[in-house]
Amino acid sequence: MEKTTHNKRKVILIGLSVLGTGVAGFLGWNYWRNKKQVNQENDSSSITEPEVNATPIARSDDFPLKMGSKGSRVTQLQNALIKKYGVGILPKYGADGMFGKEVAAALVKAKMPSSIAETDYDKLVGLSGLTGIENGEEIVTITDCEIFKSEEKTKFQIPKDIVLGEKEFTCQDWIYFIPKNSTALFKVKKENVKSFKEFKNEKSQKN
């Protein structure tokens, strides 16, 4: 009888020990999980979301170009001044697309009016390459080619039959364009693209 009672006590003690270990383990796991969650929340709250400028850069490069004008025509004007008179004509800002005091001073040095009408612009920039694809038309690749981000060496490999964006202007053998939903200026060799209108007409004729 005494032996049976001793065995029962032994079983009860073992059971309580196991139960205690389980409860302690559960409490420890629950503490670790809660602590991890708090740390994750603290980490996520410390991350600063980058500001996204959803508003595209305002352009104001209609003729006449004057103080305060900005856009691709101003960039073309600046590039033409640099090409003709050297980088010293725009020493501080270069071709940044902004018509400010430096551009006005450069025009004085070049003996040109401070307000540039379309005729003056055509004389300086030239009409070369401005025929064919009109400004504002979408351009499509007709072969595998590379496009380059303007003013940078960054390049991207693009397959044929891809709409790149709208043409802004042409300079020498390059067509400059802005992709859809972007404000960045890119360039592509003229021989690698054609207008979307022409591309679409050719496709319909083949079908």
N, C-alpha and C. Protein backbone atom coordinates (compact mmCIF):
# COMPACT_ATOMS: atom_id res chain seq x y z
N MET A 1 0.84 -1.21 0.00
CA MET A 1 0.00 0.00 0.00
C MET A 1 0.88 1.27 0.00
N GLU A 2 1.89 1.23 0.90
CA GLU A 2 2.81 2.37 0.99
C GLU A 2 3.58 2.55 -0.31
N LYS A 3 3.91 1.42 -0.93
CA LYS A 3 4.64 1.48 -2.20
C LYS A 3 3.80 2.07 -3.31
N THR A 4 2.51 1.70 -3.31
CA THR A 4 1.59 2.22 -4.33
C THR A 4 1.44 3.73 -4.18
N THR A 5 1.32 4.17 -2.91
CA THR A 5 1.19 5.61 -2.66
C THR A 5 2.45 6.35 -3.11
N HIS A 6 3.60 5.76 -2.86
CA HIS A 6 4.86 6.36 -3.27
C HIS A 6 4.95 6.51 -4.79
N ASN A 7 4.50 5.47 -5.49
CA ASN A 7 4.52 5.51 -6.97
C ASN A 7 3.59 6.59 -7.51
N LYS A 8 2.42 6.72 -6.84
CA LYS A 8 1.47 7.75 -7.29
C LYS A 8 2.07 9.15 -7.13
N ARG A 9 2.74 9.33 -5.94
CA ARG A 9 3.37 10.61 -5.71
C ARG A 9 4.44 10.89 -6.76
N LYS A 10 5.17 9.83 -7.09
CA LYS A 10 6.24 9.97 -8.08
C LYS A 10 5.68 10.38 -9.44
N VAL A 11 4.58 9.74 -9.83
CA VAL A 11 3.94 10.05 -11.11
C VAL A 11 3.42 11.48 -11.12
N ILE A 12 2.83 11.88 -9.98
CA ILE A 12 2.29 13.25 -9.89
C ILE A 12 3.40 14.28 -10.01
N LEU A 13 4.53 14.02 -9.30
CA LEU A 13 5.66 14.94 -9.36
C LEU A 13 6.22 15.06 -10.77
N ILE A 14 6.33 13.90 -11.44
CA ILE A 14 6.83 13.92 -12.83
C ILE A 14 5.89 14.72 -13.72
N GLY A 15 4.58 14.49 -13.53
CA GLY A 15 3.59 15.21 -14.33
C GLY A 15 3.66 16.70 -14.11
N LEU A 16 3.79 17.09 -12.79
CA LEU A 16 3.90 18.52 -12.50
C LEU A 16 5.18 19.11 -13.08
N SER A 17 6.25 18.34 -13.06
CA SER A 17 7.52 18.82 -13.62
C SER A 17 7.40 19.07 -15.12
N VAL A 18 6.78 18.08 -15.81
CA VAL A 18 6.59 18.22 -17.26
C VAL A 18 5.70 19.41 -17.57
N LEU A 19 4.61 19.55 -16.78
CA LEU A 19 3.68 20.65 -16.99
C LEU A 19 4.38 22.00 -16.77
N GLY A 20 5.19 22.04 -15.70
CA GLY A 20 5.91 23.28 -15.42
C GLY A 20 6.87 23.65 -16.53
N THR A 21 7.56 22.62 -17.05
CA THR A 21 8.49 22.87 -18.16
C THR A 21 7.75 23.38 -19.39
N GLY A 22 6.59 22.80 -19.67
CA GLY A 22 5.79 23.22 -20.83
C GLY A 22 5.29 24.64 -20.70
N VAL A 23 4.80 24.97 -19.47
CA VAL A 23 4.30 26.33 -19.24
C VAL A 23 5.43 27.35 -19.37
N ALA A 24 6.60 26.99 -18.77
CA ALA A 24 7.74 27.90 -18.87
C ALA A 24 8.18 28.09 -20.32
N GLY A 25 8.17 26.98 -21.06
CA GLY A 25 8.54 27.08 -22.48
C GLY A 25 7.58 27.94 -23.27
N PHE A 26 6.28 27.76 -22.99
CA PHE A 26 5.27 28.54 -23.69
C PHE A 26 5.41 30.03 -23.36
N LEU A 27 5.59 30.32 -22.08
CA LEU A 27 5.75 31.72 -21.68
C LEU A 27 6.99 32.35 -22.30
N GLY A 28 8.07 31.56 -22.34
CA GLY A 28 9.29 32.07 -22.96
C GLY A 28 9.12 32.34 -24.44
N TRP A 29 8.46 31.39 -25.13
CA TRP A 29 8.21 31.56 -26.57
C TRP A 29 7.32 32.76 -26.84
N ASN A 30 6.27 32.90 -25.99
CA ASN A 30 5.35 34.02 -26.16
C ASN A 30 6.05 35.36 -25.93
N TYR A 31 6.97 35.40 -24.93
CA TYR A 31 7.75 36.61 -24.66
C TYR A 31 8.66 36.95 -25.83
N TRP A 32 9.31 35.94 -26.38
CA TRP A 32 10.22 36.15 -27.52
C TRP A 32 9.45 36.64 -28.75
N ARG A 33 8.25 36.05 -28.98
CA ARG A 33 7.45 36.46 -30.14
C ARG A 33 7.00 37.90 -30.01
N ASN A 34 6.52 38.30 -28.80
CA ASN A 34 6.07 39.67 -28.59
C ASN A 34 7.21 40.67 -28.74
N LYS A 35 8.38 40.29 -28.21
CA LYS A 35 9.54 41.17 -28.32
C LYS A 35 9.96 41.36 -29.77
N LYS A 36 9.91 40.26 -30.53
CA LYS A 36 10.28 40.34 -31.94
C LYS A 36 9.32 41.24 -32.70
N GLN A 37 8.01 41.14 -32.38
CA GLN A 37 7.01 41.95 -33.05
C GLN A 37 7.22 43.43 -32.76
N VAL A 38 7.53 43.74 -31.47
CA VAL A 38 7.78 45.13 -31.09
C VAL A 38 8.99 45.69 -31.83
N ASN A 39 10.06 44.86 -31.93
CA ASN A 39 11.27 45.29 -32.64
C ASN A 39 10.98 45.56 -34.11
N GLN A 40 10.17 44.68 -34.73
CA GLN A 40 9.82 44.87 -36.14
C GLN A 40 9.04 46.16 -36.34
N GLU A 41 8.10 46.44 -35.40
CA GLU A 41 7.31 47.66 -35.50
C GLU A 41 8.19 48.90 -35.33
N ASN A 42 9.15 48.78 -34.39
CA ASN A 42 10.07 49.91 -34.19
C ASN A 42 10.94 50.15 -35.41
N ASP A 43 11.41 49.02 -36.02
CA ASP A 43 12.24 49.14 -37.21
C ASP A 43 11.46 49.76 -38.35
N SER A 44 10.21 49.28 -38.54
CA SER A 44 9.42 49.78 -39.66
C SER A 44 9.05 51.25 -39.47
N SER A 45 8.84 51.65 -38.19
CA SER A 45 8.49 53.05 -37.96
C SER A 45 9.67 53.97 -38.14
N SER A 46 10.89 53.42 -38.04
CA SER A 46 12.08 54.26 -38.19
C SER A 46 12.48 54.46 -39.63
N ILE A 47 11.86 53.69 -40.56
CA ILE A 47 12.18 53.81 -41.98
C ILE A 47 11.42 54.99 -42.57
N THR A 48 12.13 55.88 -43.17
CA THR A 48 11.50 57.07 -43.77
C THR A 48 11.17 56.79 -45.23
N GLU A 49 9.92 56.95 -45.58
CA GLU A 49 9.50 56.75 -46.96
C GLU A 49 10.08 57.84 -47.83
N PRO A 50 10.70 57.50 -48.98
CA PRO A 50 11.24 58.54 -49.85
C PRO A 50 10.13 59.39 -50.44
N GLU A 51 10.40 60.65 -50.59
CA GLU A 51 9.42 61.54 -51.17
C GLU A 51 9.33 61.31 -52.67
N VAL A 52 8.11 61.19 -53.17
CA VAL A 52 7.89 60.98 -54.59
C VAL A 52 7.28 62.23 -55.18
N ASN A 53 7.96 62.79 -56.13
CA ASN A 53 7.45 63.99 -56.78
C ASN A 53 6.53 63.57 -57.91
N ALA A 54 5.22 63.55 -57.63
CA ALA A 54 4.25 63.09 -58.63
C ALA A 54 3.96 64.17 -59.66
N THR A 55 4.36 65.38 -59.37
CA THR A 55 4.10 66.49 -60.29
C THR A 55 5.23 66.61 -61.29
N PRO A 56 4.96 66.44 -62.59
CA PRO A 56 6.04 66.57 -63.57
C PRO A 56 6.60 67.98 -63.60
N ILE A 57 7.87 68.07 -63.99
CA ILE A 57 8.53 69.37 -64.06
C ILE A 57 7.82 70.24 -65.11
N ALA A 58 7.46 71.44 -64.70
CA ALA A 58 6.75 72.35 -65.61
C ALA A 58 7.70 72.85 -66.68
N ARG A 59 7.24 72.81 -67.91
CA ARG A 59 8.04 73.32 -69.02
C ARG A 59 7.44 74.62 -69.51
N SER A 60 8.32 75.51 -69.94
CA SER A 60 7.86 76.79 -70.48
C SER A 60 8.85 77.22 -71.56
N ASP A 61 8.93 76.39 -72.61
CA ASP A 61 9.91 76.69 -73.66
C ASP A 61 9.24 77.06 -74.98
N ASP A 62 8.07 77.70 -74.87
CA ASP A 62 7.44 78.24 -76.08
C ASP A 62 8.22 79.49 -76.52
N PHE A 63 8.13 79.78 -77.82
CA PHE A 63 8.79 80.98 -78.33
C PHE A 63 7.99 82.23 -77.96
N PRO A 64 8.68 83.34 -77.72
CA PRO A 64 10.13 83.49 -77.69
C PRO A 64 10.73 82.94 -76.39
N LEU A 65 11.96 82.42 -76.51
CA LEU A 65 12.68 81.98 -75.32
C LEU A 65 13.26 83.20 -74.63
N LYS A 66 13.07 83.28 -73.32
CA LYS A 66 13.50 84.47 -72.57
C LYS A 66 13.81 84.07 -71.14
N MET A 67 14.19 85.04 -70.33
CA MET A 67 14.49 84.80 -68.92
C MET A 67 13.31 84.06 -68.27
N GLY A 68 13.63 82.93 -67.62
CA GLY A 68 12.58 82.15 -66.97
C GLY A 68 12.11 80.97 -67.80
N SER A 69 12.44 80.96 -69.10
CA SER A 69 12.07 79.80 -69.94
C SER A 69 12.87 78.58 -69.50
N LYS A 70 12.27 77.40 -69.65
CA LYS A 70 12.99 76.17 -69.34
C LYS A 70 12.39 75.02 -70.13
N GLY A 71 13.25 74.08 -70.50
CA GLY A 71 12.78 72.94 -71.29
C GLY A 71 13.80 72.53 -72.34
N SER A 72 13.37 71.64 -73.22
CA SER A 72 14.29 71.06 -74.20
C SER A 72 14.79 72.08 -75.22
N ARG A 73 13.96 73.08 -75.59
CA ARG A 73 14.42 74.09 -76.54
C ARG A 73 15.54 74.94 -75.93
N VAL A 74 15.43 75.21 -74.64
CA VAL A 74 16.49 75.97 -73.97
C VAL A 74 17.77 75.14 -73.96
N THR A 75 17.64 73.84 -73.69
CA THR A 75 18.82 72.95 -73.72
C THR A 75 19.46 72.96 -75.09
N GLN A 76 18.65 72.90 -76.15
CA GLN A 76 19.17 72.93 -77.51
C GLN A 76 19.88 74.25 -77.80
N LEU A 77 19.28 75.33 -77.34
CA LEU A 77 19.90 76.65 -77.52
C LEU A 77 21.26 76.70 -76.82
N GLN A 78 21.31 76.21 -75.60
CA GLN A 78 22.57 76.19 -74.85
C GLN A 78 23.62 75.31 -75.53
N ASN A 79 23.19 74.14 -75.99
CA ASN A 79 24.12 73.25 -76.70
C ASN A 79 24.67 73.91 -77.95
N ALA A 80 23.82 74.65 -78.67
CA ALA A 80 24.25 75.33 -79.88
C ALA A 80 25.26 76.43 -79.56
N LEU A 81 25.03 77.15 -78.47
CA LEU A 81 25.97 78.19 -78.05
C LEU A 81 27.33 77.58 -77.67
N ILE A 82 27.30 76.47 -76.94
CA ILE A 82 28.54 75.79 -76.54
C ILE A 82 29.28 75.27 -77.77
N LYS A 83 28.52 74.69 -78.70
CA LYS A 83 29.14 74.13 -79.90
C LYS A 83 29.82 75.23 -80.73
N LYS A 84 29.19 76.39 -80.79
CA LYS A 84 29.71 77.47 -81.64
C LYS A 84 30.80 78.28 -80.94
N TYR A 85 30.65 78.52 -79.63
CA TYR A 85 31.56 79.43 -78.94
C TYR A 85 32.43 78.75 -77.87
N GLY A 86 32.20 77.47 -77.63
CA GLY A 86 32.99 76.75 -76.62
C GLY A 86 32.32 76.75 -75.26
N VAL A 87 32.81 75.88 -74.37
CA VAL A 87 32.18 75.72 -73.06
C VAL A 87 32.30 76.98 -72.21
N GLY A 88 33.26 77.85 -72.53
CA GLY A 88 33.43 79.08 -71.77
C GLY A 88 32.25 80.04 -71.90
N ILE A 89 31.39 79.83 -72.89
CA ILE A 89 30.25 80.71 -73.07
C ILE A 89 29.21 80.50 -71.96
N LEU A 90 29.16 79.28 -71.42
CA LEU A 90 28.26 78.96 -70.30
C LEU A 90 29.08 78.22 -69.23
N PRO A 91 29.98 78.92 -68.55
CA PRO A 91 30.97 78.24 -67.71
C PRO A 91 30.42 77.62 -66.43
N LYS A 92 29.34 78.18 -65.88
CA LYS A 92 28.89 77.74 -64.56
C LYS A 92 27.85 76.62 -64.63
N TYR A 93 26.82 76.79 -65.45
CA TYR A 93 25.71 75.84 -65.45
C TYR A 93 25.66 74.95 -66.70
N GLY A 94 26.31 75.39 -67.78
CA GLY A 94 26.29 74.59 -69.00
C GLY A 94 24.88 74.47 -69.58
N ALA A 95 24.61 73.31 -70.22
CA ALA A 95 23.29 73.08 -70.85
C ALA A 95 22.36 72.44 -69.83
N ASP A 96 21.78 73.27 -68.94
CA ASP A 96 20.91 72.74 -67.89
C ASP A 96 19.43 72.93 -68.19
N GLY A 97 19.11 73.50 -69.36
CA GLY A 97 17.70 73.67 -69.74
C GLY A 97 17.02 74.86 -69.09
N MET A 98 17.78 75.70 -68.38
CA MET A 98 17.21 76.87 -67.69
C MET A 98 17.74 78.16 -68.32
N PHE A 99 16.84 79.04 -68.71
CA PHE A 99 17.22 80.32 -69.29
C PHE A 99 17.36 81.32 -68.15
N GLY A 100 18.60 81.50 -67.69
CA GLY A 100 18.86 82.45 -66.59
C GLY A 100 19.83 83.54 -67.01
N LYS A 101 20.45 84.14 -66.01
CA LYS A 101 21.37 85.26 -66.28
C LYS A 101 22.57 84.83 -67.11
N GLU A 102 23.03 83.58 -66.91
CA GLU A 102 24.19 83.12 -67.67
C GLU A 102 23.87 83.00 -69.15
N VAL A 103 22.70 82.51 -69.48
CA VAL A 103 22.29 82.40 -70.89
C VAL A 103 22.12 83.80 -71.49
N ALA A 104 21.50 84.68 -70.73
CA ALA A 104 21.31 86.06 -71.22
C ALA A 104 22.66 86.72 -71.51
N ALA A 105 23.63 86.52 -70.62
CA ALA A 105 24.97 87.09 -70.83
C ALA A 105 25.65 86.45 -72.04
N ALA A 106 25.42 85.15 -72.22
CA ALA A 106 26.01 84.45 -73.38
C ALA A 106 25.46 84.99 -74.68
N LEU A 107 24.17 85.31 -74.70
CA LEU A 107 23.55 85.84 -75.91
C LEU A 107 24.09 87.24 -76.23
N VAL A 108 24.37 88.00 -75.18
CA VAL A 108 24.98 89.33 -75.40
C VAL A 108 26.36 89.17 -76.03
N LYS A 109 27.16 88.21 -75.50
CA LYS A 109 28.49 87.95 -76.07
C LYS A 109 28.39 87.50 -77.52
N ALA A 110 27.34 86.71 -77.81
CA ALA A 110 27.15 86.21 -79.17
C ALA A 110 26.48 87.24 -80.08
N LYS A 111 26.21 88.43 -79.53
CA LYS A 111 25.57 89.53 -80.27
C LYS A 111 24.21 89.10 -80.83
N MET A 112 23.46 88.43 -79.95
CA MET A 112 22.11 88.00 -80.29
C MET A 112 21.13 88.66 -79.33
N PRO A 113 19.86 88.77 -79.72
CA PRO A 113 18.87 89.38 -78.83
C PRO A 113 18.67 88.54 -77.56
N SER A 114 18.30 89.20 -76.48
CA SER A 114 18.11 88.50 -75.21
C SER A 114 16.82 87.69 -75.17
N SER A 115 15.93 87.95 -76.12
CA SER A 115 14.70 87.18 -76.28
C SER A 115 14.76 86.47 -77.64
N ILE A 116 14.76 85.16 -77.65
CA ILE A 116 15.01 84.40 -78.88
C ILE A 116 13.70 83.97 -79.55
N ALA A 117 13.43 84.58 -80.68
CA ALA A 117 12.27 84.17 -81.48
C ALA A 117 12.61 82.89 -82.25
N GLU A 118 11.60 82.31 -82.85
CA GLU A 118 11.80 81.04 -83.55
C GLU A 118 12.80 81.17 -84.70
N THR A 119 12.77 82.31 -85.41
CA THR A 119 13.70 82.50 -86.53
C THR A 119 15.15 82.57 -86.04
N ASP A 120 15.36 83.26 -84.91
CA ASP A 120 16.70 83.33 -84.33
C ASP A 120 17.16 81.95 -83.85
N TYR A 121 16.22 81.24 -83.27
CA TYR A 121 16.51 79.89 -82.78
C TYR A 121 16.94 78.98 -83.93
N ASP A 122 16.20 79.03 -85.04
CA ASP A 122 16.52 78.19 -86.20
C ASP A 122 17.89 78.54 -86.79
N LYS A 123 18.24 79.82 -86.76
CA LYS A 123 19.54 80.23 -87.29
C LYS A 123 20.69 79.64 -86.46
N LEU A 124 20.51 79.65 -85.15
CA LEU A 124 21.58 79.19 -84.27
C LEU A 124 21.58 77.66 -84.13
N VAL A 125 20.42 77.10 -83.88
CA VAL A 125 20.33 75.65 -83.65
C VAL A 125 20.36 74.89 -84.96
N GLY A 126 19.71 75.46 -85.99
CA GLY A 126 19.68 74.80 -87.29
C GLY A 126 18.46 73.92 -87.44
N LEU A 127 18.11 73.65 -88.65
CA LEU A 127 16.93 72.84 -88.95
C LEU A 127 17.29 71.40 -89.29
N SER A 128 18.57 71.06 -89.21
CA SER A 128 19.01 69.71 -89.58
C SER A 128 18.34 68.66 -88.72
N GLY A 129 17.71 67.71 -89.38
CA GLY A 129 17.10 66.59 -88.66
C GLY A 129 15.73 66.89 -88.09
N LEU A 130 15.22 68.09 -88.27
CA LEU A 130 13.92 68.42 -87.70
C LEU A 130 12.76 68.03 -88.61
N THR A 131 13.06 67.48 -89.77
CA THR A 131 12.00 66.99 -90.64
C THR A 131 11.78 65.52 -90.36
N GLY A 132 10.72 64.94 -90.90
CA GLY A 132 10.43 63.53 -90.67
C GLY A 132 9.52 63.39 -89.47
N ILE A 133 10.04 62.89 -88.38
CA ILE A 133 9.26 62.73 -87.16
C ILE A 133 9.06 64.09 -86.51
N GLU A 134 7.81 64.44 -86.27
CA GLU A 134 7.49 65.74 -85.68
C GLU A 134 7.69 65.70 -84.17
N ASN A 135 7.99 66.86 -83.61
CA ASN A 135 8.07 66.96 -82.15
C ASN A 135 6.72 66.60 -81.55
N GLY A 136 6.75 65.79 -80.49
CA GLY A 136 5.52 65.34 -79.85
C GLY A 136 5.02 64.01 -80.34
N GLU A 137 5.58 63.52 -81.48
CA GLU A 137 5.19 62.20 -81.99
C GLU A 137 5.88 61.09 -81.20
N GLU A 138 5.16 59.98 -81.05
CA GLU A 138 5.77 58.82 -80.40
C GLU A 138 6.71 58.12 -81.39
N ILE A 139 7.82 57.62 -80.86
CA ILE A 139 8.77 56.92 -81.72
C ILE A 139 8.88 55.46 -81.29
N VAL A 140 9.13 54.59 -82.29
CA VAL A 140 9.17 53.15 -82.09
C VAL A 140 10.50 52.62 -82.60
N THR A 141 11.09 51.69 -81.86
CA THR A 141 12.34 51.09 -82.32
C THR A 141 12.06 50.14 -83.48
N ILE A 142 12.92 50.18 -84.49
CA ILE A 142 12.76 49.29 -85.64
C ILE A 142 13.86 48.23 -85.67
N THR A 143 14.72 48.26 -84.67
CA THR A 143 15.77 47.26 -84.53
C THR A 143 16.21 47.20 -83.07
N ASP A 144 16.89 46.15 -82.68
CA ASP A 144 17.48 46.12 -81.34
C ASP A 144 18.52 47.24 -81.26
N CYS A 145 18.45 48.04 -80.22
CA CYS A 145 19.35 49.20 -80.16
C CYS A 145 19.58 49.63 -78.72
N GLU A 146 20.40 50.63 -78.56
CA GLU A 146 20.68 51.20 -77.25
C GLU A 146 20.10 52.60 -77.16
N ILE A 147 19.59 52.93 -75.98
CA ILE A 147 19.19 54.31 -75.72
C ILE A 147 20.06 54.82 -74.57
N PHE A 148 20.23 56.13 -74.54
CA PHE A 148 21.11 56.72 -73.54
C PHE A 148 20.37 57.81 -72.78
N LYS A 149 20.63 57.88 -71.50
CA LYS A 149 20.07 58.97 -70.71
C LYS A 149 20.87 60.23 -71.02
N SER A 150 20.15 61.31 -71.36
CA SER A 150 20.81 62.54 -71.77
C SER A 150 21.73 63.06 -70.69
N GLU A 151 22.90 63.56 -71.11
CA GLU A 151 23.91 64.14 -70.22
C GLU A 151 24.59 63.09 -69.34
N GLU A 152 24.31 61.79 -69.57
CA GLU A 152 24.95 60.74 -68.77
C GLU A 152 25.45 59.65 -69.71
N LYS A 153 26.26 58.74 -69.17
CA LYS A 153 26.76 57.61 -69.95
C LYS A 153 25.89 56.37 -69.75
N THR A 154 24.83 56.50 -68.94
CA THR A 154 23.95 55.37 -68.68
C THR A 154 23.26 54.93 -69.97
N LYS A 155 23.31 53.63 -70.29
CA LYS A 155 22.67 53.14 -71.51
C LYS A 155 21.83 51.92 -71.20
N PHE A 156 20.82 51.70 -72.05
CA PHE A 156 19.90 50.59 -71.88
C PHE A 156 19.73 49.88 -73.23
N GLN A 157 19.71 48.56 -73.20
CA GLN A 157 19.50 47.77 -74.41
C GLN A 157 17.99 47.59 -74.60
N ILE A 158 17.50 47.98 -75.76
CA ILE A 158 16.06 47.94 -76.04
C ILE A 158 15.79 47.08 -77.27
N PRO A 159 14.82 46.16 -77.20
CA PRO A 159 14.47 45.35 -78.39
C PRO A 159 13.65 46.17 -79.39
N LYS A 160 13.49 45.64 -80.59
CA LYS A 160 12.71 46.35 -81.61
C LYS A 160 11.21 46.29 -81.30
N ASP A 161 10.47 47.13 -81.99
CA ASP A 161 9.01 47.23 -81.85
C ASP A 161 8.58 47.71 -80.46
N ILE A 162 9.38 48.59 -79.85
CA ILE A 162 9.05 49.15 -78.54
C ILE A 162 8.81 50.65 -78.69
N VAL A 163 7.69 51.11 -78.18
CA VAL A 163 7.41 52.56 -78.18
C VAL A 163 8.25 53.20 -77.07
N LEU A 164 9.14 54.10 -77.45
CA LEU A 164 10.06 54.70 -76.49
C LEU A 164 9.47 55.89 -75.75
N GLY A 165 8.71 56.71 -76.47
CA GLY A 165 8.15 57.92 -75.87
C GLY A 165 7.96 58.98 -76.93
N GLU A 166 7.77 60.21 -76.51
CA GLU A 166 7.51 61.30 -77.45
C GLU A 166 8.79 62.05 -77.80
N LYS A 167 8.95 62.32 -79.08
CA LYS A 167 10.12 63.06 -79.55
C LYS A 167 10.07 64.50 -79.04
N GLU A 168 11.21 64.95 -78.53
CA GLU A 168 11.34 66.33 -78.08
C GLU A 168 12.04 67.18 -79.13
N PHE A 169 13.19 66.72 -79.61
CA PHE A 169 13.92 67.44 -80.64
C PHE A 169 14.97 66.51 -81.22
N THR A 170 15.63 66.95 -82.29
CA THR A 170 16.70 66.20 -82.93
C THR A 170 17.97 67.03 -82.90
N CYS A 171 19.07 66.40 -82.60
CA CYS A 171 20.37 67.06 -82.64
C CYS A 171 21.37 66.14 -83.31
N GLN A 172 21.89 66.62 -84.46
CA GLN A 172 22.82 65.82 -85.26
C GLN A 172 22.16 64.47 -85.62
N ASP A 173 22.73 63.34 -85.19
CA ASP A 173 22.17 62.03 -85.55
C ASP A 173 21.33 61.42 -84.44
N TRP A 174 20.96 62.23 -83.44
CA TRP A 174 20.24 61.72 -82.29
C TRP A 174 18.83 62.30 -82.21
N ILE A 175 17.89 61.47 -81.83
CA ILE A 175 16.54 61.94 -81.50
C ILE A 175 16.41 61.89 -79.99
N TYR A 176 16.03 63.01 -79.41
CA TYR A 176 15.83 63.10 -77.97
C TYR A 176 14.35 62.90 -77.67
N PHE A 177 14.06 62.14 -76.63
CA PHE A 177 12.67 61.83 -76.31
C PHE A 177 12.49 61.70 -74.80
N ILE A 178 11.23 61.80 -74.37
CA ILE A 178 10.88 61.61 -72.97
C ILE A 178 9.92 60.43 -72.88
N PRO A 179 10.27 59.37 -72.15
CA PRO A 179 9.37 58.22 -72.01
C PRO A 179 8.07 58.62 -71.32
N LYS A 180 7.05 57.80 -71.53
CA LYS A 180 5.74 58.05 -70.91
C LYS A 180 5.87 58.00 -69.39
N ASN A 181 5.13 58.87 -68.72
CA ASN A 181 5.13 58.95 -67.25
C ASN A 181 6.52 59.23 -66.68
N SER A 182 7.31 60.00 -67.42
CA SER A 182 8.66 60.33 -66.96
C SER A 182 8.97 61.78 -67.32
N THR A 183 9.95 62.34 -66.64
CA THR A 183 10.42 63.69 -66.98
C THR A 183 11.87 63.65 -67.45
N ALA A 184 12.46 62.43 -67.47
CA ALA A 184 13.87 62.29 -67.86
C ALA A 184 14.00 62.33 -69.38
N LEU A 185 15.09 62.92 -69.85
CA LEU A 185 15.34 63.04 -71.28
C LEU A 185 16.33 61.96 -71.72
N PHE A 186 15.97 61.22 -72.79
CA PHE A 186 16.82 60.17 -73.34
C PHE A 186 17.10 60.48 -74.80
N LYS A 187 18.07 59.76 -75.37
CA LYS A 187 18.37 59.93 -76.80
C LYS A 187 18.60 58.57 -77.43
N VAL A 188 18.32 58.51 -78.75
CA VAL A 188 18.50 57.30 -79.52
C VAL A 188 18.93 57.69 -80.93
N LYS A 189 19.73 56.85 -81.58
CA LYS A 189 20.15 57.14 -82.95
C LYS A 189 18.94 57.15 -83.89
N LYS A 190 18.92 58.14 -84.79
CA LYS A 190 17.77 58.32 -85.68
C LYS A 190 17.46 57.07 -86.50
N GLU A 191 18.53 56.37 -86.95
CA GLU A 191 18.29 55.24 -87.84
C GLU A 191 17.63 54.05 -87.14
N ASN A 192 17.54 54.10 -85.81
CA ASN A 192 16.97 52.98 -85.06
C ASN A 192 15.48 53.13 -84.75
N VAL A 193 14.89 54.26 -85.16
CA VAL A 193 13.49 54.50 -84.81
C VAL A 193 12.71 55.07 -86.00
N LYS A 194 11.39 55.01 -85.85
CA LYS A 194 10.50 55.71 -86.79
C LYS A 194 9.27 56.14 -86.00
N SER A 195 8.44 56.96 -86.61
CA SER A 195 7.26 57.44 -85.90
C SER A 195 6.26 56.29 -85.72
N PHE A 196 5.51 56.36 -84.65
CA PHE A 196 4.50 55.33 -84.37
C PHE A 196 3.45 55.31 -85.48
N LYS A 197 3.14 56.49 -86.01
CA LYS A 197 2.14 56.58 -87.09
C LYS A 197 2.61 55.79 -88.31
N GLU A 198 3.87 56.01 -88.69
CA GLU A 198 4.43 55.29 -89.84
C GLU A 198 4.53 53.79 -89.55
N PHE A 199 4.96 53.47 -88.35
CA PHE A 199 5.09 52.07 -87.93
C PHE A 199 3.73 51.36 -88.00
N LYS A 200 2.69 52.02 -87.52
CA LYS A 200 1.35 51.45 -87.50
C LYS A 200 0.83 51.25 -88.92
N ASN A 201 1.08 52.23 -89.81
CA ASN A 201 0.63 52.11 -91.20
C ASN A 201 1.30 50.94 -91.91
N GLU A 202 2.59 50.77 -91.67
CA GLU A 202 3.31 49.65 -92.29
C GLU A 202 2.77 48.31 -91.80
N LYS A 203 2.46 48.22 -90.53
CA LYS A 203 1.92 46.99 -89.97
C LYS A 203 0.57 46.65 -90.58
N SER A 204 -0.29 47.68 -90.73
CA SER A 204 -1.62 47.43 -91.29
C SER A 204 -1.54 47.04 -92.76
N GLN A 205 -0.56 47.58 -93.51
CA GLN A 205 -0.41 47.22 -94.90
C GLN A 205 0.06 45.77 -95.08
N LYS A 206 0.92 45.33 -94.14
CA LYS A 206 1.41 43.95 -94.19
C LYS A 206 0.31 42.95 -93.87
N ASN A 207 -0.59 43.36 -92.99
CA ASN A 207 -1.71 42.48 -92.62
C ASN A 207 -2.81 42.51 -93.68
